[in-house]
Amino acid sequence: MGEVIAGATEALPKPRPWAQAAHRARYRAAIAAKAALAPRTRDPVFVLCTPRTGSYVLVDYLNCLPGVTLRGEVLNPDTSIGPRRQLRSTRQIARHLRRSIDSLPGPVKGAKIFLGLRERGFTLDHLRAVFPEVRLVVLYRRSLADQYISGRIALEAGRWTHRRSGGGWDGRFVIDPEHWRWWLERRRSEYEDALAIPWVRDRAVVVAYEDMVSAPESVFSDVICPFLEVPPAPLTTRNVKLPRRALHEIVENLADVAPLLHDPRACLELP
């Protein structure tokens, strides 16, 4: 059926169940009512990515474009806009996804979806079955070592996004070589498997995090806006990138794992 997709990161901090349940109930009711009155979306756009690739920033930028509205992680059961964990069938998940997209305003609608989590079993082919003319913006990070360390910092700090400036996390951690190797191969295979699907390559553009943060206007004017057939616009984000300390101040066993972090396979270059 194709590469499995989902909307959750590894080991997300636990939400407050009662608050999430109440918000999710209101969200389900609202999107069901709006979707019932809206025409079916034919060609939504999805940001397809993995954690710590700058997807919060990309979604903020996309929402700056005229006529474009994207939601966040609509398939993440750990968010209040995600499906209930009790939803097991692909049909139920597809209905949730359909309502989440159809209820949005504007001609260009979409959301963010993470690759890789397999227990819900919703694949890219399932996504295309719901939206036959789906478009994908595949976001990745060339430096997988930087992505891994960023994820570890977020996990240790319990914060996956920063909406205001302030003090960063000041702790340290140890990198387990076996976990790093497992994570590295998993990340590479998630992207390689997805892009091996013929229709994905035909309906996607690929954007590197490093290009997006260094020259966002160029990425949008040259790649994303032509793909979405919308004009460029000034780009802003609520997300704040905090300065990061030197690696030796963060990774306790850096001397032992440095050769692993500099492995050639830790550099991902997607065509």
C-alpha atoms as a PDB file:
ATOM      1  CA  MET A   1       0.000   0.000   0.000  1.00  0.00           C
ATOM      2  CA  GLY A   2       2.948   2.374   0.239  1.00  0.00           C
ATOM      3  CA  GLU A   3       4.828   4.147   2.971  1.00  0.00           C
ATOM      4  CA  VAL A   4       2.900   4.454   6.228  1.00  0.00           C
ATOM      5  CA  ILE A   5       2.169   7.938   7.480  1.00  0.00           C
ATOM      6  CA  ALA A   6       0.911   9.289  10.738  1.00  0.00           C
ATOM      7  CA  GLY A   7       0.882  12.425  12.780  1.00  0.00           C
ATOM      8  CA  ALA A   8       2.897  11.840  15.917  1.00  0.00           C
ATOM      9  CA  THR A   9       6.480  12.183  16.998  1.00  0.00           C
ATOM     10  CA  GLU A  10       8.353   9.754  19.197  1.00  0.00           C
ATOM     11  CA  ALA A  11       7.636  10.164  22.897  1.00  0.00           C
ATOM     12  CA  LEU A  12       5.594  13.353  22.821  1.00  0.00           C
ATOM     13  CA  PRO A  13       4.915  14.863  26.251  1.00  0.00           C
ATOM     14  CA  LYS A  14       1.634  13.651  27.759  1.00  0.00           C
ATOM     15  CA  PRO A  15      -1.292  16.023  27.203  1.00  0.00           C
ATOM     16  CA  ARG A  16      -3.899  16.728  29.879  1.00  0.00           C
ATOM     17  CA  PRO A  17      -6.569  14.123  29.022  1.00  0.00           C
ATOM     18  CA  TRP A  18      -9.604  16.059  30.208  1.00  0.00           C
ATOM     19  CA  ALA A  19      -8.613  19.267  28.437  1.00  0.00           C
ATOM     20  CA  GLN A  20      -7.702  17.452  25.248  1.00  0.00           C
ATOM     21  CA  ALA A  21     -10.950  15.468  25.244  1.00  0.00           C
ATOM     22  CA  ALA A  22     -13.062  18.607  25.646  1.00  0.00           C
ATOM     23  CA  HIS A  23     -11.179  20.488  22.930  1.00  0.00           C
ATOM     24  CA  ARG A  24     -11.305  17.499  20.587  1.00  0.00           C
ATOM     25  CA  ALA A  25     -15.069  17.144  21.062  1.00  0.00           C
ATOM     26  CA  ARG A  26     -15.585  20.804  20.168  1.00  0.00           C
ATOM     27  CA  TYR A  27     -13.231  20.468  17.208  1.00  0.00           C
ATOM     28  CA  ARG A  28     -15.021  17.386  15.839  1.00  0.00           C
ATOM     29  CA  ALA A  29     -18.389  19.072  16.108  1.00  0.00           C
ATOM     30  CA  ALA A  30     -17.138  22.246  14.426  1.00  0.00           C
ATOM     31  CA  ILE A  31     -15.429  20.559  11.490  1.00  0.00           C
ATOM     32  CA  ALA A  32     -18.350  18.184  10.913  1.00  0.00           C
ATOM     33  CA  ALA A  33     -20.769  21.119  10.703  1.00  0.00           C
ATOM     34  CA  LYS A  34     -18.529  23.171   8.408  1.00  0.00           C
ATOM     35  CA  ALA A  35     -17.551  20.245   6.189  1.00  0.00           C
ATOM     36  CA  ALA A  36     -21.212  19.304   5.675  1.00  0.00           C
ATOM     37  CA  LEU A  37     -21.798  22.688   4.009  1.00  0.00           C
ATOM     38  CA  ALA A  38     -18.521  22.911   2.088  1.00  0.00           C
ATOM     39  CA  PRO A  39     -17.649  21.487  -1.332  1.00  0.00           C
ATOM     40  CA  ARG A  40     -15.272  18.540  -1.362  1.00  0.00           C
ATOM     41  CA  THR A  41     -11.622  19.516  -1.626  1.00  0.00           C
ATOM     42  CA  ARG A  42     -10.029  18.038  -4.747  1.00  0.00           C
ATOM     43  CA  ASP A  43      -6.366  18.950  -4.489  1.00  0.00           C
ATOM     44  CA  PRO A  44      -5.251  19.762  -0.919  1.00  0.00           C
ATOM     45  CA  VAL A  45      -1.612  20.281  -0.053  1.00  0.00           C
ATOM     46  CA  PHE A  46       0.099  18.367   2.744  1.00  0.00           C
ATOM     47  CA  VAL A  47       3.437  19.081   4.346  1.00  0.00           C
ATOM     48  CA  LEU A  48       5.001  15.623   4.553  1.00  0.00           C
ATOM     49  CA  CYS A  49       7.878  15.541   7.001  1.00  0.00           C
ATOM     50  CA  THR A  50       9.493  14.048  10.099  1.00  0.00           C
ATOM     51  CA  PRO A  51       9.940  15.715  13.508  1.00  0.00           C
ATOM     52  CA  ARG A  52      12.461  18.552  13.888  1.00  0.00           C
ATOM     53  CA  THR A  53      12.607  19.565  10.226  1.00  0.00           C
ATOM     54  CA  GLY A  54      11.143  23.057  10.633  1.00  0.00           C
ATOM     55  CA  SER A  55       7.570  22.072   9.856  1.00  0.00           C
ATOM     56  CA  TYR A  56       6.050  24.568  12.308  1.00  0.00           C
ATOM     57  CA  VAL A  57       7.850  27.365  10.464  1.00  0.00           C
ATOM     58  CA  LEU A  58       6.874  26.032   7.046  1.00  0.00           C
ATOM     59  CA  VAL A  59       3.188  25.843   7.989  1.00  0.00           C
ATOM     60  CA  ASP A  60       3.360  29.415   9.320  1.00  0.00           C
ATOM     61  CA  TYR A  61       4.960  30.555   6.051  1.00  0.00           C
ATOM     62  CA  LEU A  62       2.379  28.735   3.935  1.00  0.00           C
ATOM     63  CA  ASN A  63      -0.430  30.392   5.864  1.00  0.00           C
ATOM     64  CA  CYS A  64       1.013  33.776   4.841  1.00  0.00           C
ATOM     65  CA  LEU A  65       0.236  33.072   1.177  1.00  0.00           C
ATOM     66  CA  PRO A  66      -3.021  34.459  -0.266  1.00  0.00           C
ATOM     67  CA  GLY A  67      -5.803  31.892  -0.327  1.00  0.00           C
ATOM     68  CA  VAL A  68      -3.775  29.240   1.547  1.00  0.00           C
ATOM     69  CA  THR A  69      -4.913  27.731   4.876  1.00  0.00           C
ATOM     70  CA  LEU A  70      -3.154  24.804   6.536  1.00  0.00           C
ATOM     71  CA  ARG A  71      -3.896  23.061   9.795  1.00  0.00           C
ATOM     72  CA  GLY A  72      -1.283  21.463  12.025  1.00  0.00           C
ATOM     73  CA  GLU A  73      -0.943  17.762  12.848  1.00  0.00           C
ATOM     74  CA  VAL A  74      -4.433  16.480  12.067  1.00  0.00           C
ATOM     75  CA  LEU A  75      -3.383  12.823  12.298  1.00  0.00           C
ATOM     76  CA  ASN A  76      -1.560  13.186  15.606  1.00  0.00           C
ATOM     77  CA  PRO A  77      -3.608  11.552  18.392  1.00  0.00           C
ATOM     78  CA  ASP A  78      -1.578  13.517  20.956  1.00  0.00           C
ATOM     79  CA  THR A  79      -3.036  16.825  19.725  1.00  0.00           C
ATOM     80  CA  SER A  80      -6.532  18.138  20.258  1.00  0.00           C
ATOM     81  CA  ILE A  81      -7.151  18.288  16.489  1.00  0.00           C
ATOM     82  CA  GLY A  82      -6.005  14.711  15.925  1.00  0.00           C
ATOM     83  CA  PRO A  83      -8.168  11.592  15.703  1.00  0.00           C
ATOM     84  CA  ARG A  84      -9.157   9.719  18.813  1.00  0.00           C
ATOM     85  CA  ARG A  85      -6.878   6.818  19.667  1.00  0.00           C
ATOM     86  CA  GLN A  86      -9.914   4.541  19.493  1.00  0.00           C
ATOM     87  CA  LEU A  87     -10.162   5.164  15.745  1.00  0.00           C
ATOM     88  CA  ARG A  88      -8.544   2.115  14.208  1.00  0.00           C
ATOM     89  CA  SER A  89      -9.956   1.719  10.729  1.00  0.00           C
ATOM     90  CA  THR A  90      -8.538   3.599   7.781  1.00  0.00           C
ATOM     91  CA  ARG A  91     -12.093   4.585   6.879  1.00  0.00           C
ATOM     92  CA  GLN A  92     -12.565   6.383  10.205  1.00  0.00           C
ATOM     93  CA  ILE A  93      -9.222   8.145   9.911  1.00  0.00           C
ATOM     94  CA  ALA A  94      -9.997   9.119   6.323  1.00  0.00           C
ATOM     95  CA  ARG A  95     -13.312  10.661   7.420  1.00  0.00           C
ATOM     96  CA  HIS A  96     -11.549  12.670  10.123  1.00  0.00           C
ATOM     97  CA  LEU A  97      -8.978  13.851   7.597  1.00  0.00           C
ATOM     98  CA  ARG A  98     -11.631  14.723   5.006  1.00  0.00           C
ATOM     99  CA  ARG A  99     -13.611  16.802   7.497  1.00  0.00           C
ATOM    100  CA  SER A 100     -10.492  18.530   8.808  1.00  0.00           C
ATOM    101  CA  ILE A 101      -9.581  19.685   5.303  1.00  0.00           C
ATOM    102  CA  ASP A 102     -13.033  20.397   3.824  1.00  0.00           C
ATOM    103  CA  SER A 103     -13.926  22.641   6.781  1.00  0.00           C
ATOM    104  CA  LEU A 104     -11.065  25.040   6.040  1.00  0.00           C
ATOM    105  CA  PRO A 105     -11.574  28.343   4.158  1.00  0.00           C
ATOM    106  CA  GLY A 106      -9.855  29.318   0.961  1.00  0.00           C
ATOM    107  CA  PRO A 107      -9.057  27.661  -2.356  1.00  0.00           C
ATOM    108  CA  VAL A 108      -5.811  26.014  -1.149  1.00  0.00           C
ATOM    109  CA  LYS A 109      -6.290  23.860   1.946  1.00  0.00           C
ATOM    110  CA  GLY A 110      -4.141  21.337   3.730  1.00  0.00           C
ATOM    111  CA  ALA A 111      -2.346  20.156   6.839  1.00  0.00           C
ATOM    112  CA  LYS A 112       0.869  18.669   8.167  1.00  0.00           C
ATOM    113  CA  ILE A 113       1.478  14.913   8.328  1.00  0.00           C
ATOM    114  CA  PHE A 114       4.438  13.021   9.733  1.00  0.00           C
ATOM    115  CA  LEU A 115       5.965  10.000   8.067  1.00  0.00           C
ATOM    116  CA  GLY A 116       6.722   6.779   9.782  1.00  0.00           C
ATOM    117  CA  LEU A 117       4.485   5.792  12.678  1.00  0.00           C
ATOM    118  CA  ARG A 118       3.074   2.424  11.690  1.00  0.00           C
ATOM    119  CA  GLU A 119       0.507   1.378  14.252  1.00  0.00           C
ATOM    120  CA  ARG A 120      -2.382   3.350  12.723  1.00  0.00           C
ATOM    121  CA  GLY A 121      -1.708   1.893   9.272  1.00  0.00           C
ATOM    122  CA  PHE A 122      -2.739   4.947   7.225  1.00  0.00           C
ATOM    123  CA  THR A 123      -0.530   5.027   4.151  1.00  0.00           C
ATOM    124  CA  LEU A 124       0.223   7.513   1.431  1.00  0.00           C
ATOM    125  CA  ASP A 125      -1.904   5.415  -0.892  1.00  0.00           C
ATOM    126  CA  HIS A 126      -4.799   5.778   1.558  1.00  0.00           C
ATOM    127  CA  LEU A 127      -4.214   9.532   1.486  1.00  0.00           C
ATOM    128  CA  ARG A 128      -4.435   9.597  -2.288  1.00  0.00           C
ATOM    129  CA  ALA A 129      -7.580   7.473  -2.200  1.00  0.00           C
ATOM    130  CA  VAL A 130      -9.210  10.239  -0.114  1.00  0.00           C
ATOM    131  CA  PHE A 131      -7.737  13.050  -2.235  1.00  0.00           C
ATOM    132  CA  PRO A 132      -6.833  11.770  -5.730  1.00  0.00           C
ATOM    133  CA  GLU A 133      -5.273  15.098  -6.744  1.00  0.00           C
ATOM    134  CA  VAL A 134      -3.326  15.605  -3.512  1.00  0.00           C
ATOM    135  CA  ARG A 135      -0.157  17.716  -3.588  1.00  0.00           C
ATOM    136  CA  LEU A 136       2.791  17.204  -1.252  1.00  0.00           C
ATOM    137  CA  VAL A 137       5.544  19.461   0.031  1.00  0.00           C
ATOM    138  CA  VAL A 138       8.191  17.041   1.295  1.00  0.00           C
ATOM    139  CA  LEU A 139      10.295  18.716   3.982  1.00  0.00           C
ATOM    140  CA  TYR A 140      13.533  17.146   5.182  1.00  0.00           C
ATOM    141  CA  ARG A 141      16.784  18.024   6.891  1.00  0.00           C
ATOM    142  CA  ARG A 142      20.109  17.370   5.179  1.00  0.00           C
ATOM    143  CA  SER A 143      21.972  17.048   8.476  1.00  0.00           C
ATOM    144  CA  LEU A 144      20.397  14.066  10.197  1.00  0.00           C
ATOM    145  CA  ALA A 145      22.785  14.513  13.131  1.00  0.00           C
ATOM    146  CA  ASP A 146      21.438  18.027  13.720  1.00  0.00           C
ATOM    147  CA  GLN A 147      17.890  16.701  13.432  1.00  0.00           C
ATOM    148  CA  TYR A 148      18.575  13.930  15.949  1.00  0.00           C
ATOM    149  CA  ILE A 149      20.173  16.291  18.469  1.00  0.00           C
ATOM    150  CA  SER A 150      17.350  18.799  18.042  1.00  0.00           C
ATOM    151  CA  GLY A 151      14.851  16.030  18.745  1.00  0.00           C
ATOM    152  CA  ARG A 152      16.710  14.911  21.847  1.00  0.00           C
ATOM    153  CA  ILE A 153      16.813  18.471  23.171  1.00  0.00           C
ATOM    154  CA  ALA A 154      13.064  18.878  22.561  1.00  0.00           C
ATOM    155  CA  LEU A 155      12.344  15.560  24.275  1.00  0.00           C
ATOM    156  CA  GLU A 156      14.510  16.351  27.289  1.00  0.00           C
ATOM    157  CA  ALA A 157      13.114  19.877  27.589  1.00  0.00           C
ATOM    158  CA  GLY A 158       9.517  18.797  26.974  1.00  0.00           C
ATOM    159  CA  ARG A 159       9.033  21.550  24.382  1.00  0.00           C
ATOM    160  CA  TRP A 160       8.551  20.902  20.652  1.00  0.00           C
ATOM    161  CA  THR A 161       8.098  24.500  19.565  1.00  0.00           C
ATOM    162  CA  HIS A 162       8.999  27.961  20.843  1.00  0.00           C
ATOM    163  CA  ARG A 163       6.517  30.745  20.241  1.00  0.00           C
ATOM    164  CA  ARG A 164       8.464  33.369  22.190  1.00  0.00           C
ATOM    165  CA  SER A 165      12.079  34.103  23.017  1.00  0.00           C
ATOM    166  CA  GLY A 166      13.541  33.154  26.353  1.00  0.00           C
ATOM    167  CA  GLY A 167      15.968  30.841  28.028  1.00  0.00           C
ATOM    168  CA  GLY A 168      16.752  27.573  26.302  1.00  0.00           C
ATOM    169  CA  TRP A 169      17.302  24.140  27.796  1.00  0.00           C
ATOM    170  CA  ASP A 170      20.567  23.939  29.721  1.00  0.00           C
ATOM    171  CA  GLY A 171      20.842  20.185  30.383  1.00  0.00           C
ATOM    172  CA  ARG A 172      23.018  17.436  28.911  1.00  0.00           C
ATOM    173  CA  PHE A 173      22.386  13.919  27.587  1.00  0.00           C
ATOM    174  CA  VAL A 174      24.204  10.794  26.440  1.00  0.00           C
ATOM    175  CA  ILE A 175      23.806   9.457  22.900  1.00  0.00           C
ATOM    176  CA  ASP A 176      23.411   5.701  22.761  1.00  0.00           C
ATOM    177  CA  PRO A 177      25.232   4.505  19.609  1.00  0.00           C
ATOM    178  CA  GLU A 178      22.720   1.736  18.922  1.00  0.00           C
ATOM    179  CA  HIS A 179      19.769   4.089  19.218  1.00  0.00           C
ATOM    180  CA  TRP A 180      21.486   6.583  16.904  1.00  0.00           C
ATOM    181  CA  ARG A 181      22.100   3.919  14.254  1.00  0.00           C
ATOM    182  CA  TRP A 182      18.507   2.708  14.496  1.00  0.00           C
ATOM    183  CA  TRP A 183      17.126   6.258  14.279  1.00  0.00           C
ATOM    184  CA  LEU A 184      19.396   7.144  11.347  1.00  0.00           C
ATOM    185  CA  GLU A 185      18.324   4.183   9.235  1.00  0.00           C
ATOM    186  CA  ARG A 186      14.679   4.733  10.117  1.00  0.00           C
ATOM    187  CA  ARG A 187      14.777   8.375   9.059  1.00  0.00           C
ATOM    188  CA  ARG A 188      16.519   7.605   5.779  1.00  0.00           C
ATOM    189  CA  SER A 189      14.117   4.777   4.943  1.00  0.00           C
ATOM    190  CA  GLU A 190      11.045   6.905   5.707  1.00  0.00           C
ATOM    191  CA  TYR A 191      11.985   9.407   3.021  1.00  0.00           C
ATOM    192  CA  GLU A 192      13.464   6.939   0.557  1.00  0.00           C
ATOM    193  CA  ASP A 193      10.427   4.638   0.763  1.00  0.00           C
ATOM    194  CA  ALA A 194       7.990   7.525   0.325  1.00  0.00           C
ATOM    195  CA  LEU A 195       9.796   8.987  -2.677  1.00  0.00           C
ATOM    196  CA  ALA A 196      10.069   5.544  -4.269  1.00  0.00           C
ATOM    197  CA  ILE A 197       6.292   5.618  -4.807  1.00  0.00           C
ATOM    198  CA  PRO A 198       5.860   6.811  -8.431  1.00  0.00           C
ATOM    199  CA  TRP A 199       2.839   9.023  -7.899  1.00  0.00           C
ATOM    200  CA  VAL A 200       4.483  10.771  -4.937  1.00  0.00           C
ATOM    201  CA  ARG A 201       7.368  12.006  -7.076  1.00  0.00           C
ATOM    202  CA  ASP A 202       4.878  13.236  -9.682  1.00  0.00           C
ATOM    203  CA  ARG A 203       2.806  15.198  -7.152  1.00  0.00           C
ATOM    204  CA  ALA A 204       5.469  16.591  -4.807  1.00  0.00           C
ATOM    205  CA  VAL A 205       8.151  19.207  -4.418  1.00  0.00           C
ATOM    206  CA  VAL A 206      11.069  18.597  -2.074  1.00  0.00           C
ATOM    207  CA  VAL A 207      12.360  21.310   0.253  1.00  0.00           C
ATOM    208  CA  ALA A 208      15.409  21.129   2.525  1.00  0.00           C
ATOM    209  CA  TYR A 209      15.227  22.726   5.969  1.00  0.00           C
ATOM    210  CA  GLU A 210      18.622  24.318   5.459  1.00  0.00           C
ATOM    211  CA  ASP A 211      17.440  26.129   2.309  1.00  0.00           C
ATOM    212  CA  MET A 212      14.190  27.225   3.942  1.00  0.00           C
ATOM    213  CA  VAL A 213      15.894  28.873   6.917  1.00  0.00           C
ATOM    214  CA  SER A 214      18.719  30.479   4.923  1.00  0.00           C
ATOM    215  CA  ALA A 215      16.666  31.814   1.986  1.00  0.00           C
ATOM    216  CA  PRO A 216      12.922  31.382   2.617  1.00  0.00           C
ATOM    217  CA  GLU A 217      11.848  33.970   0.057  1.00  0.00           C
ATOM    218  CA  SER A 218      13.798  32.212  -2.696  1.00  0.00           C
ATOM    219  CA  VAL A 219      12.403  28.808  -1.765  1.00  0.00           C
ATOM    220  CA  PHE A 220       8.865  30.161  -1.915  1.00  0.00           C
ATOM    221  CA  SER A 221       9.204  32.264  -5.055  1.00  0.00           C
ATOM    222  CA  ASP A 222      11.138  29.600  -6.998  1.00  0.00           C
ATOM    223  CA  VAL A 223       9.610  26.350  -5.711  1.00  0.00           C
ATOM    224  CA  ILE A 224       6.530  26.478  -3.506  1.00  0.00           C
ATOM    225  CA  CYS A 225       4.489  29.323  -4.984  1.00  0.00           C
ATOM    226  CA  PRO A 226       4.737  28.009  -8.579  1.00  0.00           C
ATOM    227  CA  PHE A 227       3.823  24.551  -7.294  1.00  0.00           C
ATOM    228  CA  LEU A 228       0.712  25.858  -5.513  1.00  0.00           C
ATOM    229  CA  GLU A 229      -0.035  28.395  -8.262  1.00  0.00           C
ATOM    230  CA  VAL A 230      -0.260  31.302  -5.819  1.00  0.00           C
ATOM    231  CA  PRO A 231       1.661  34.585  -5.753  1.00  0.00           C
ATOM    232  CA  PRO A 232       4.462  35.180  -3.222  1.00  0.00           C
ATOM    233  CA  ALA A 233       3.800  37.180  -0.069  1.00  0.00           C
ATOM    234  CA  PRO A 234       5.809  38.451   2.921  1.00  0.00           C
ATOM    235  CA  LEU A 235       6.650  35.506   5.191  1.00  0.00           C
ATOM    236  CA  THR A 236       6.320  35.578   8.965  1.00  0.00           C
ATOM    237  CA  THR A 237       6.337  32.937  11.687  1.00  0.00           C
ATOM    238  CA  ARG A 238       5.380  32.818  15.336  1.00  0.00           C
ATOM    239  CA  ASN A 239       8.087  30.259  15.946  1.00  0.00           C
ATOM    240  CA  VAL A 240      11.293  31.449  17.610  1.00  0.00           C
ATOM    241  CA  LYS A 241      14.582  29.668  16.977  1.00  0.00           C
ATOM    242  CA  LEU A 242      16.615  29.645  20.181  1.00  0.00           C
ATOM    243  CA  PRO A 243      20.418  29.708  20.075  1.00  0.00           C
ATOM    244  CA  ARG A 244      21.999  26.313  20.672  1.00  0.00           C
ATOM    245  CA  ARG A 245      25.070  25.665  22.764  1.00  0.00           C
ATOM    246  CA  ALA A 246      28.160  23.945  21.427  1.00  0.00           C
ATOM    247  CA  LEU A 247      27.805  20.180  21.039  1.00  0.00           C
ATOM    248  CA  HIS A 248      30.379  19.372  23.708  1.00  0.00           C
ATOM    249  CA  GLU A 249      28.201  21.297  26.179  1.00  0.00           C
ATOM    250  CA  ILE A 250      25.130  19.200  25.277  1.00  0.00           C
ATOM    251  CA  VAL A 251      26.364  15.676  24.496  1.00  0.00           C
ATOM    252  CA  GLU A 252      28.221  14.129  27.417  1.00  0.00           C
ATOM    253  CA  ASN A 253      29.881  11.379  25.366  1.00  0.00           C
ATOM    254  CA  LEU A 254      30.617  13.480  22.280  1.00  0.00           C
ATOM    255  CA  ALA A 255      34.184  12.208  21.989  1.00  0.00           C
ATOM    256  CA  ASP A 256      32.883   8.639  21.701  1.00  0.00           C
ATOM    257  CA  VAL A 257      30.052   9.280  19.236  1.00  0.00           C
ATOM    258  CA  ALA A 258      31.522  12.068  17.074  1.00  0.00           C
ATOM    259  CA  PRO A 259      32.642   9.596  14.347  1.00  0.00           C
ATOM    260  CA  LEU A 260      29.075   8.242  14.190  1.00  0.00           C
ATOM    261  CA  LEU A 261      27.564  11.715  13.864  1.00  0.00           C
ATOM    262  CA  HIS A 262      29.937  12.440  10.975  1.00  0.00           C
ATOM    263  CA  ASP A 263      29.107   9.212   9.149  1.00  0.00           C
ATOM    264  CA  PRO A 264      28.388   9.964   5.446  1.00  0.00           C
ATOM    265  CA  ARG A 265      24.949   8.379   5.877  1.00  0.00           C
ATOM    266  CA  ALA A 266      24.122  11.140   8.337  1.00  0.00           C
ATOM    267  CA  CYS A 267      23.929  13.497   5.355  1.00  0.00           C
ATOM    268  CA  LEU A 268      20.650  13.120   3.471  1.00  0.00           C
ATOM    269  CA  GLU A 269      20.360  14.626  -0.013  1.00  0.00           C
ATOM    270  CA  LEU A 270      16.994  14.033  -1.661  1.00  0.00           C
ATOM    271  CA  PRO A 271      16.619  14.507  -5.411  1.00  0.00           C
END
